[in-house]
Amino acid sequence: MMEDDIKLFYDLTAEKTADEWYREEILYPTILDFVSLLPDKPHVLDLGCGPGHESMRLANTGASVVGVDFSEACIEVARERNPYCTFEVRDFRFLEESLGKFDGIFACASLIHIAPEEISSVMDSIRKVLKDSGLAALIVVDGEGIKEDWSLLEVDGKSLRRTVYLYSKETILKEAERAGMKLVREGYLDSKLTEYGWKNYIFIMSTGSGELPNAAAEGCMNCEFCECRDNKINYCSEHEKYVKDNDPPCKAYVENGS
């Protein structure tokens, strides 16, 4: 009988995943986009951090990073490669306030392993550790049901079922709103990811003020993005500090006449 054992899959592939993803920069523009909305030197939780590749990139932006994952093997690799971050073996379905409160939560490809009957408890976990007016980036695959061709895998000759669940925008919005969060906007993702159905929803923990933590970042709400070489992106004039001298400016930067 085929195992539905997500933890076993990530335990067995921790080193291989690290070797691949520590070199892969495709999510760095996504991280820059998210962090630009947070306070300076934010406290960020990498939810379902795996072996810590995106924890590294979050830390490279100046964030103080805590990563949690229920795979002991992944956390071991993450600690070895990122001694400047904090990592804990935790099941993010059952987080407690003892973990601390965070300015931002980065949940990339973690909710895709959560069954629909458990998504509410995960949103409640996020609520427990997200500061008032804190932001959460929830990166999921659009749709409904199970993506079977991503769920059946073979590792070291062993057949595993690593179930990948699809979530529609309507479902994510409903569950987030029930937990006290409201949608800010969709975050940036490279077209190589969006063509496979990946979506990035950025939520704010509602306090009634409706203000973003980083007031200077409000101008990004309607920014346009373009892809530049090496999968990097540049922001509009509201984010001039991210425009690279050796890259062309983004569409909005040009259209604004800056």
C-alpha atoms as a PDB file:
ATOM      1  CA  MET A   1       0.000   0.000   0.000  1.00  0.00           C
ATOM      2  CA  MET A   2       1.371   3.418  -0.936  1.00  0.00           C
ATOM      3  CA  GLU A   3       2.241   5.660   1.997  1.00  0.00           C
ATOM      4  CA  ASP A   4       0.708   9.089   2.427  1.00  0.00           C
ATOM      5  CA  ASP A   5       3.698  10.289   4.407  1.00  0.00           C
ATOM      6  CA  ILE A   6       4.753  13.849   3.694  1.00  0.00           C
ATOM      7  CA  LYS A   7       7.183  13.968   6.613  1.00  0.00           C
ATOM      8  CA  LEU A   8       9.028  10.866   5.406  1.00  0.00           C
ATOM      9  CA  PHE A   9       9.387  12.400   1.946  1.00  0.00           C
ATOM     10  CA  TYR A  10      11.004  15.557   3.301  1.00  0.00           C
ATOM     11  CA  ASP A  11      13.192  13.635   5.744  1.00  0.00           C
ATOM     12  CA  LEU A  12      14.546  11.535   2.868  1.00  0.00           C
ATOM     13  CA  THR A  13      15.069  14.459   0.491  1.00  0.00           C
ATOM     14  CA  ALA A  14      16.351  17.180   2.850  1.00  0.00           C
ATOM     15  CA  GLU A  15      19.926  17.282   1.529  1.00  0.00           C
ATOM     16  CA  LYS A  16      18.909  16.965  -2.119  1.00  0.00           C
ATOM     17  CA  THR A  17      16.328  19.715  -1.762  1.00  0.00           C
ATOM     18  CA  ALA A  18      18.890  21.962  -0.092  1.00  0.00           C
ATOM     19  CA  ASP A  19      21.476  21.374  -2.817  1.00  0.00           C
ATOM     20  CA  GLU A  20      18.945  22.383  -5.459  1.00  0.00           C
ATOM     21  CA  TRP A  21      17.136  25.271  -3.785  1.00  0.00           C
ATOM     22  CA  TYR A  22      20.015  27.105  -2.130  1.00  0.00           C
ATOM     23  CA  ARG A  23      21.183  27.857  -5.691  1.00  0.00           C
ATOM     24  CA  GLU A  24      17.731  28.638  -7.085  1.00  0.00           C
ATOM     25  CA  GLU A  25      16.909  32.376  -6.991  1.00  0.00           C
ATOM     26  CA  ILE A  26      13.405  32.295  -8.465  1.00  0.00           C
ATOM     27  CA  LEU A  27      11.717  33.244  -5.171  1.00  0.00           C
ATOM     28  CA  TYR A  28      14.083  36.072  -4.241  1.00  0.00           C
ATOM     29  CA  PRO A  29      11.990  38.757  -6.026  1.00  0.00           C
ATOM     30  CA  THR A  30       8.935  37.392  -4.210  1.00  0.00           C
ATOM     31  CA  ILE A  31      10.742  37.794  -0.903  1.00  0.00           C
ATOM     32  CA  LEU A  32      11.838  41.352  -1.763  1.00  0.00           C
ATOM     33  CA  ASP A  33       8.233  42.195  -2.617  1.00  0.00           C
ATOM     34  CA  PHE A  34       6.968  40.810   0.701  1.00  0.00           C
ATOM     35  CA  VAL A  35       9.682  42.315   2.902  1.00  0.00           C
ATOM     36  CA  SER A  36       9.171  45.737   1.291  1.00  0.00           C
ATOM     37  CA  LEU A  37       5.786  45.836   3.064  1.00  0.00           C
ATOM     38  CA  LEU A  38       7.248  45.068   6.500  1.00  0.00           C
ATOM     39  CA  PRO A  39       8.990  47.309   9.030  1.00  0.00           C
ATOM     40  CA  ASP A  40      12.764  47.679   8.855  1.00  0.00           C
ATOM     41  CA  LYS A  41      14.604  44.598  10.153  1.00  0.00           C
ATOM     42  CA  PRO A  42      11.369  42.653  10.626  1.00  0.00           C
ATOM     43  CA  HIS A  43      10.870  39.520  12.700  1.00  0.00           C
ATOM     44  CA  VAL A  44       9.740  36.905  10.146  1.00  0.00           C
ATOM     45  CA  LEU A  45       8.512  33.322  10.497  1.00  0.00           C
ATOM     46  CA  ASP A  46       9.300  30.937   7.637  1.00  0.00           C
ATOM     47  CA  LEU A  47       6.339  28.576   7.986  1.00  0.00           C
ATOM     48  CA  GLY A  48       7.239  25.109   6.718  1.00  0.00           C
ATOM     49  CA  CYS A  49      10.809  26.201   6.066  1.00  0.00           C
ATOM     50  CA  GLY A  50      12.155  22.880   4.788  1.00  0.00           C
ATOM     51  CA  PRO A  51      15.978  22.907   4.769  1.00  0.00           C
ATOM     52  CA  GLY A  52      16.035  26.707   5.104  1.00  0.00           C
ATOM     53  CA  HIS A  53      16.741  27.985   1.580  1.00  0.00           C
ATOM     54  CA  GLU A  54      14.188  30.792   1.710  1.00  0.00           C
ATOM     55  CA  SER A  55      15.018  31.475   5.363  1.00  0.00           C
ATOM     56  CA  MET A  56      18.486  32.331   4.069  1.00  0.00           C
ATOM     57  CA  ARG A  57      17.060  34.799   1.553  1.00  0.00           C
ATOM     58  CA  LEU A  58      14.736  36.358   4.085  1.00  0.00           C
ATOM     59  CA  ALA A  59      17.703  36.870   6.400  1.00  0.00           C
ATOM     60  CA  ASN A  60      19.705  38.386   3.541  1.00  0.00           C
ATOM     61  CA  THR A  61      17.138  41.205   3.364  1.00  0.00           C
ATOM     62  CA  GLY A  62      17.887  42.109   6.985  1.00  0.00           C
ATOM     63  CA  ALA A  63      15.052  40.164   8.584  1.00  0.00           C
ATOM     64  CA  SER A  64      15.382  38.270  11.860  1.00  0.00           C
ATOM     65  CA  VAL A  65      14.195  34.809  10.854  1.00  0.00           C
ATOM     66  CA  VAL A  66      12.685  31.848  12.677  1.00  0.00           C
ATOM     67  CA  GLY A  67      11.965  28.734  10.634  1.00  0.00           C
ATOM     68  CA  VAL A  68       9.679  25.886  11.657  1.00  0.00           C
ATOM     69  CA  ASP A  69       9.169  22.500  10.041  1.00  0.00           C
ATOM     70  CA  PHE A  70       8.122  19.081  11.291  1.00  0.00           C
ATOM     71  CA  SER A  71      10.945  17.329   9.413  1.00  0.00           C
ATOM     72  CA  GLU A  72      13.870  16.796  11.770  1.00  0.00           C
ATOM     73  CA  ALA A  73      16.186  16.165   8.812  1.00  0.00           C
ATOM     74  CA  CYS A  74      15.228  19.464   7.172  1.00  0.00           C
ATOM     75  CA  ILE A  75      15.748  21.412  10.382  1.00  0.00           C
ATOM     76  CA  GLU A  76      19.156  19.809  10.862  1.00  0.00           C
ATOM     77  CA  VAL A  77      20.228  20.936   7.377  1.00  0.00           C
ATOM     78  CA  ALA A  78      18.735  24.408   7.913  1.00  0.00           C
ATOM     79  CA  ARG A  79      20.701  24.883  11.148  1.00  0.00           C
ATOM     80  CA  GLU A  80      23.943  23.775   9.512  1.00  0.00           C
ATOM     81  CA  ARG A  81      23.559  26.164   6.584  1.00  0.00           C
ATOM     82  CA  ASN A  82      22.053  29.141   8.419  1.00  0.00           C
ATOM     83  CA  PRO A  83      23.666  29.563  11.849  1.00  0.00           C
ATOM     84  CA  TYR A  84      22.362  33.165  11.982  1.00  0.00           C
ATOM     85  CA  CYS A  85      18.705  32.026  11.874  1.00  0.00           C
ATOM     86  CA  THR A  86      16.681  30.154  14.490  1.00  0.00           C
ATOM     87  CA  PHE A  87      15.052  26.846  13.566  1.00  0.00           C
ATOM     88  CA  GLU A  88      12.660  24.669  15.517  1.00  0.00           C
ATOM     89  CA  VAL A  89      11.099  21.280  14.857  1.00  0.00           C
ATOM     90  CA  ARG A  90       7.397  22.120  15.063  1.00  0.00           C
ATOM     91  CA  ASP A  91       4.188  21.091  13.358  1.00  0.00           C
ATOM     92  CA  PHE A  92       2.814  24.399  12.099  1.00  0.00           C
ATOM     93  CA  ARG A  93      -0.746  23.129  12.436  1.00  0.00           C
ATOM     94  CA  PHE A  94      -0.370  23.533  16.195  1.00  0.00           C
ATOM     95  CA  LEU A  95       1.673  26.674  16.843  1.00  0.00           C
ATOM     96  CA  GLU A  96       1.469  28.419  20.202  1.00  0.00           C
ATOM     97  CA  GLU A  97       2.152  32.003  21.233  1.00  0.00           C
ATOM     98  CA  SER A  98       5.265  30.791  23.062  1.00  0.00           C
ATOM     99  CA  LEU A  99       6.962  30.806  19.643  1.00  0.00           C
ATOM    100  CA  GLY A 100       6.726  34.606  19.665  1.00  0.00           C
ATOM    101  CA  LYS A 101       4.941  37.246  17.603  1.00  0.00           C
ATOM    102  CA  PHE A 102       6.041  38.071  14.071  1.00  0.00           C
ATOM    103  CA  ASP A 103       5.875  41.084  11.771  1.00  0.00           C
ATOM    104  CA  GLY A 104       5.566  38.721   8.818  1.00  0.00           C
ATOM    105  CA  ILE A 105       4.878  35.073   8.055  1.00  0.00           C
ATOM    106  CA  PHE A 106       6.197  33.587   4.810  1.00  0.00           C
ATOM    107  CA  ALA A 107       4.337  30.365   3.967  1.00  0.00           C
ATOM    108  CA  CYS A 108       5.639  29.158   0.625  1.00  0.00           C
ATOM    109  CA  ALA A 109       4.441  25.745  -0.609  1.00  0.00           C
ATOM    110  CA  SER A 110       3.526  24.683   2.913  1.00  0.00           C
ATOM    111  CA  LEU A 111      -0.270  24.969   2.881  1.00  0.00           C
ATOM    112  CA  ILE A 112      -0.357  22.741  -0.204  1.00  0.00           C
ATOM    113  CA  HIS A 113       0.184  19.760   2.115  1.00  0.00           C
ATOM    114  CA  ILE A 114      -2.712  20.698   4.400  1.00  0.00           C
ATOM    115  CA  ALA A 115      -5.979  18.836   3.890  1.00  0.00           C
ATOM    116  CA  PRO A 116      -9.111  21.007   3.583  1.00  0.00           C
ATOM    117  CA  GLU A 117     -10.422  19.812   6.939  1.00  0.00           C
ATOM    118  CA  GLU A 118      -7.261  21.161   8.620  1.00  0.00           C
ATOM    119  CA  ILE A 119      -6.851  24.503   6.850  1.00  0.00           C
ATOM    120  CA  SER A 120      -8.894  26.329   9.505  1.00  0.00           C
ATOM    121  CA  SER A 121      -6.602  25.156  12.296  1.00  0.00           C
ATOM    122  CA  VAL A 122      -3.552  26.322  10.317  1.00  0.00           C
ATOM    123  CA  MET A 123      -5.081  29.780   9.862  1.00  0.00           C
ATOM    124  CA  ASP A 124      -5.720  29.847  13.615  1.00  0.00           C
ATOM    125  CA  SER A 125      -2.053  28.962  14.207  1.00  0.00           C
ATOM    126  CA  ILE A 126      -0.997  31.845  11.967  1.00  0.00           C
ATOM    127  CA  ARG A 127      -3.291  34.194  13.880  1.00  0.00           C
ATOM    128  CA  LYS A 128      -1.708  33.190  17.205  1.00  0.00           C
ATOM    129  CA  VAL A 129       1.803  34.217  16.155  1.00  0.00           C
ATOM    130  CA  LEU A 130       1.160  37.149  13.799  1.00  0.00           C
ATOM    131  CA  LYS A 131       1.350  40.645  15.285  1.00  0.00           C
ATOM    132  CA  ASP A 132      -1.529  43.083  14.940  1.00  0.00           C
ATOM    133  CA  SER A 133      -1.143  44.566  11.440  1.00  0.00           C
ATOM    134  CA  GLY A 134       1.388  41.837  10.669  1.00  0.00           C
ATOM    135  CA  LEU A 135       1.461  40.391   7.156  1.00  0.00           C
ATOM    136  CA  ALA A 136       1.279  36.799   5.922  1.00  0.00           C
ATOM    137  CA  ALA A 137       2.274  35.670   2.420  1.00  0.00           C
ATOM    138  CA  LEU A 138       0.424  32.444   1.612  1.00  0.00           C
ATOM    139  CA  ILE A 139       1.731  30.780  -1.543  1.00  0.00           C
ATOM    140  CA  VAL A 140      -0.492  27.986  -2.839  1.00  0.00           C
ATOM    141  CA  VAL A 141      -1.482  26.238  -6.055  1.00  0.00           C
ATOM    142  CA  ASP A 142      -4.802  27.405  -7.495  1.00  0.00           C
ATOM    143  CA  GLY A 143      -7.668  24.980  -7.939  1.00  0.00           C
ATOM    144  CA  GLU A 144      -9.692  22.441  -6.009  1.00  0.00           C
ATOM    145  CA  GLY A 145      -9.038  18.882  -4.904  1.00  0.00           C
ATOM    146  CA  ILE A 146      -5.711  17.040  -5.190  1.00  0.00           C
ATOM    147  CA  LYS A 147      -3.005  17.439  -7.827  1.00  0.00           C
ATOM    148  CA  GLU A 148      -2.327  13.763  -8.369  1.00  0.00           C
ATOM    149  CA  ASP A 149       0.653  14.103 -10.729  1.00  0.00           C
ATOM    150  CA  TRP A 150       2.561  16.039  -8.025  1.00  0.00           C
ATOM    151  CA  SER A 151       1.475  13.699  -5.227  1.00  0.00           C
ATOM    152  CA  LEU A 152       2.843  10.318  -6.304  1.00  0.00           C
ATOM    153  CA  LEU A 153       6.634  10.151  -6.064  1.00  0.00           C
ATOM    154  CA  GLU A 154       9.455   7.662  -5.745  1.00  0.00           C
ATOM    155  CA  VAL A 155      12.399   8.231  -3.412  1.00  0.00           C
ATOM    156  CA  ASP A 156      15.250   5.752  -3.021  1.00  0.00           C
ATOM    157  CA  GLY A 157      13.122   3.077  -4.675  1.00  0.00           C
ATOM    158  CA  LYS A 158      10.263   3.672  -2.277  1.00  0.00           C
ATOM    159  CA  SER A 159       6.849   4.800  -3.558  1.00  0.00           C
ATOM    160  CA  LEU A 160       5.443   7.652  -1.499  1.00  0.00           C
ATOM    161  CA  ARG A 161       2.262   9.671  -1.555  1.00  0.00           C
ATOM    162  CA  ARG A 162       3.107  13.297  -0.786  1.00  0.00           C
ATOM    163  CA  THR A 163      -0.363  14.722  -1.233  1.00  0.00           C
ATOM    164  CA  VAL A 164      -0.574  18.181  -2.837  1.00  0.00           C
ATOM    165  CA  TYR A 165      -3.845  20.000  -2.228  1.00  0.00           C
ATOM    166  CA  LEU A 166      -5.161  22.771  -4.482  1.00  0.00           C
ATOM    167  CA  TYR A 167      -6.824  25.869  -3.039  1.00  0.00           C
ATOM    168  CA  SER A 168      -8.966  28.429  -4.843  1.00  0.00           C
ATOM    169  CA  LYS A 169      -8.704  32.116  -4.066  1.00  0.00           C
ATOM    170  CA  GLU A 170     -12.218  32.006  -2.663  1.00  0.00           C
ATOM    171  CA  THR A 171     -11.309  29.274  -0.171  1.00  0.00           C
ATOM    172  CA  ILE A 172      -8.109  30.984   0.991  1.00  0.00           C
ATOM    173  CA  LEU A 173      -9.902  34.323   1.399  1.00  0.00           C
ATOM    174  CA  LYS A 174     -12.763  32.725   3.334  1.00  0.00           C
ATOM    175  CA  GLU A 175     -10.453  30.890   5.735  1.00  0.00           C
ATOM    176  CA  ALA A 176      -8.129  33.867   6.228  1.00  0.00           C
ATOM    177  CA  GLU A 177     -11.006  36.247   6.882  1.00  0.00           C
ATOM    178  CA  ARG A 178     -12.491  33.831   9.404  1.00  0.00           C
ATOM    179  CA  ALA A 179      -9.144  33.980  11.244  1.00  0.00           C
ATOM    180  CA  GLY A 180      -9.190  37.783  11.309  1.00  0.00           C
ATOM    181  CA  MET A 181      -7.048  38.568   8.277  1.00  0.00           C
ATOM    182  CA  LYS A 182      -7.909  40.538   5.170  1.00  0.00           C
ATOM    183  CA  LEU A 183      -6.361  40.494   1.728  1.00  0.00           C
ATOM    184  CA  VAL A 184      -3.867  43.260   0.911  1.00  0.00           C
ATOM    185  CA  ARG A 185      -3.081  42.163  -2.644  1.00  0.00           C
ATOM    186  CA  GLU A 186      -1.535  39.353  -4.631  1.00  0.00           C
ATOM    187  CA  GLY A 187       2.220  39.220  -4.267  1.00  0.00           C
ATOM    188  CA  TYR A 188       4.780  38.871  -7.025  1.00  0.00           C
ATOM    189  CA  LEU A 189       5.623  35.464  -8.472  1.00  0.00           C
ATOM    190  CA  ASP A 190       7.819  34.654 -11.444  1.00  0.00           C
ATOM    191  CA  SER A 191       5.896  33.626 -14.577  1.00  0.00           C
ATOM    192  CA  LYS A 192       7.659  30.254 -14.455  1.00  0.00           C
ATOM    193  CA  LEU A 193       5.668  29.631 -11.266  1.00  0.00           C
ATOM    194  CA  THR A 194       2.356  31.215 -12.205  1.00  0.00           C
ATOM    195  CA  GLU A 195       2.115  29.112 -15.362  1.00  0.00           C
ATOM    196  CA  TYR A 196       1.855  26.066 -13.085  1.00  0.00           C
ATOM    197  CA  GLY A 197      -0.944  27.649 -11.070  1.00  0.00           C
ATOM    198  CA  TRP A 198       1.035  29.084  -8.157  1.00  0.00           C
ATOM    199  CA  LYS A 199      -0.593  32.071  -6.420  1.00  0.00           C
ATOM    200  CA  ASN A 200       0.725  34.409  -3.736  1.00  0.00           C
ATOM    201  CA  TYR A 201      -1.834  36.063  -1.442  1.00  0.00           C
ATOM    202  CA  ILE A 202      -0.652  38.671   1.047  1.00  0.00           C
ATOM    203  CA  PHE A 203      -2.903  39.173   4.078  1.00  0.00           C
ATOM    204  CA  ILE A 204      -2.838  41.635   6.962  1.00  0.00           C
ATOM    205  CA  MET A 205      -3.926  40.840  10.496  1.00  0.00           C
ATOM    206  CA  SER A 206      -6.857  43.201  10.809  1.00  0.00           C
ATOM    207  CA  THR A 207      -6.832  45.737  13.629  1.00  0.00           C
ATOM    208  CA  GLY A 208      -9.452  48.048  12.182  1.00  0.00           C
ATOM    209  CA  SER A 209      -6.908  50.671  11.079  1.00  0.00           C
ATOM    210  CA  GLY A 210      -6.317  49.130   7.650  1.00  0.00           C
ATOM    211  CA  GLU A 211      -2.772  50.516   7.664  1.00  0.00           C
ATOM    212  CA  LEU A 212       0.204  48.566   6.372  1.00  0.00           C
ATOM    213  CA  PRO A 213       3.104  48.128   8.836  1.00  0.00           C
ATOM    214  CA  ASN A 214       5.431  50.005   6.494  1.00  0.00           C
ATOM    215  CA  ALA A 215       3.542  53.172   5.611  1.00  0.00           C
ATOM    216  CA  ALA A 216       6.110  54.058   2.968  1.00  0.00           C
ATOM    217  CA  ALA A 217       5.221  50.871   1.112  1.00  0.00           C
ATOM    218  CA  GLU A 218       1.597  51.802   0.485  1.00  0.00           C
ATOM    219  CA  GLY A 219       2.506  53.058  -2.953  1.00  0.00           C
ATOM    220  CA  CYS A 220       3.280  49.498  -4.014  1.00  0.00           C
ATOM    221  CA  MET A 221      -0.356  48.482  -3.858  1.00  0.00           C
ATOM    222  CA  ASN A 222      -0.817  49.141  -7.575  1.00  0.00           C
ATOM    223  CA  CYS A 223       2.726  48.622  -8.776  1.00  0.00           C
ATOM    224  CA  GLU A 224       3.347  46.855 -12.040  1.00  0.00           C
ATOM    225  CA  PHE A 225       6.196  44.414 -12.264  1.00  0.00           C
ATOM    226  CA  CYS A 226       8.323  43.118 -15.075  1.00  0.00           C
ATOM    227  CA  GLU A 227      10.871  40.360 -15.298  1.00  0.00           C
ATOM    228  CA  CYS A 228      14.466  41.415 -15.661  1.00  0.00           C
ATOM    229  CA  ARG A 229      17.520  39.341 -16.346  1.00  0.00           C
ATOM    230  CA  ASP A 230      18.441  36.589 -13.899  1.00  0.00           C
ATOM    231  CA  ASN A 231      14.793  36.416 -12.776  1.00  0.00           C
ATOM    232  CA  LYS A 232      15.198  39.635 -10.764  1.00  0.00           C
ATOM    233  CA  ILE A 233      12.544  42.299 -10.681  1.00  0.00           C
ATOM    234  CA  ASN A 234      12.698  46.033 -10.118  1.00  0.00           C
ATOM    235  CA  TYR A 235      10.070  48.114  -8.429  1.00  0.00           C
ATOM    236  CA  CYS A 236       8.433  51.381  -9.417  1.00  0.00           C
ATOM    237  CA  SER A 237       9.621  54.775  -8.204  1.00  0.00           C
ATOM    238  CA  GLU A 238       7.983  54.145  -4.822  1.00  0.00           C
ATOM    239  CA  HIS A 239      10.689  51.475  -4.364  1.00  0.00           C
ATOM    240  CA  GLU A 240      13.593  53.181  -6.055  1.00  0.00           C
ATOM    241  CA  LYS A 241      16.022  51.601  -3.634  1.00  0.00           C
ATOM    242  CA  TYR A 242      15.390  48.217  -5.313  1.00  0.00           C
ATOM    243  CA  VAL A 243      16.104  49.413  -8.862  1.00  0.00           C
ATOM    244  CA  LYS A 244      19.453  47.970  -9.860  1.00  0.00           C
ATOM    245  CA  ASP A 245      21.900  50.240 -11.655  1.00  0.00           C
ATOM    246  CA  ASN A 246      22.699  47.550 -14.194  1.00  0.00           C
ATOM    247  CA  ASP A 247      19.108  46.497 -14.895  1.00  0.00           C
ATOM    248  CA  PRO A 248      16.340  48.271 -16.802  1.00  0.00           C
ATOM    249  CA  PRO A 249      13.702  49.939 -14.597  1.00  0.00           C
ATOM    250  CA  CYS A 250      10.255  48.407 -14.280  1.00  0.00           C
ATOM    251  CA  LYS A 251       7.258  49.507 -16.351  1.00  0.00           C
ATOM    252  CA  ALA A 252       5.708  51.664 -13.658  1.00  0.00           C
ATOM    253  CA  TYR A 253       9.049  53.370 -13.018  1.00  0.00           C
ATOM    254  CA  VAL A 254       9.232  54.388 -16.678  1.00  0.00           C
ATOM    255  CA  GLU A 255       5.558  55.313 -17.000  1.00  0.00           C
ATOM    256  CA  ASN A 256       5.781  57.575 -13.971  1.00  0.00           C
ATOM    257  CA  GLY A 257       8.443  59.541 -15.765  1.00  0.00           C
ATOM    258  CA  SER A 258      11.088  58.936 -13.112  1.00  0.00           C
END
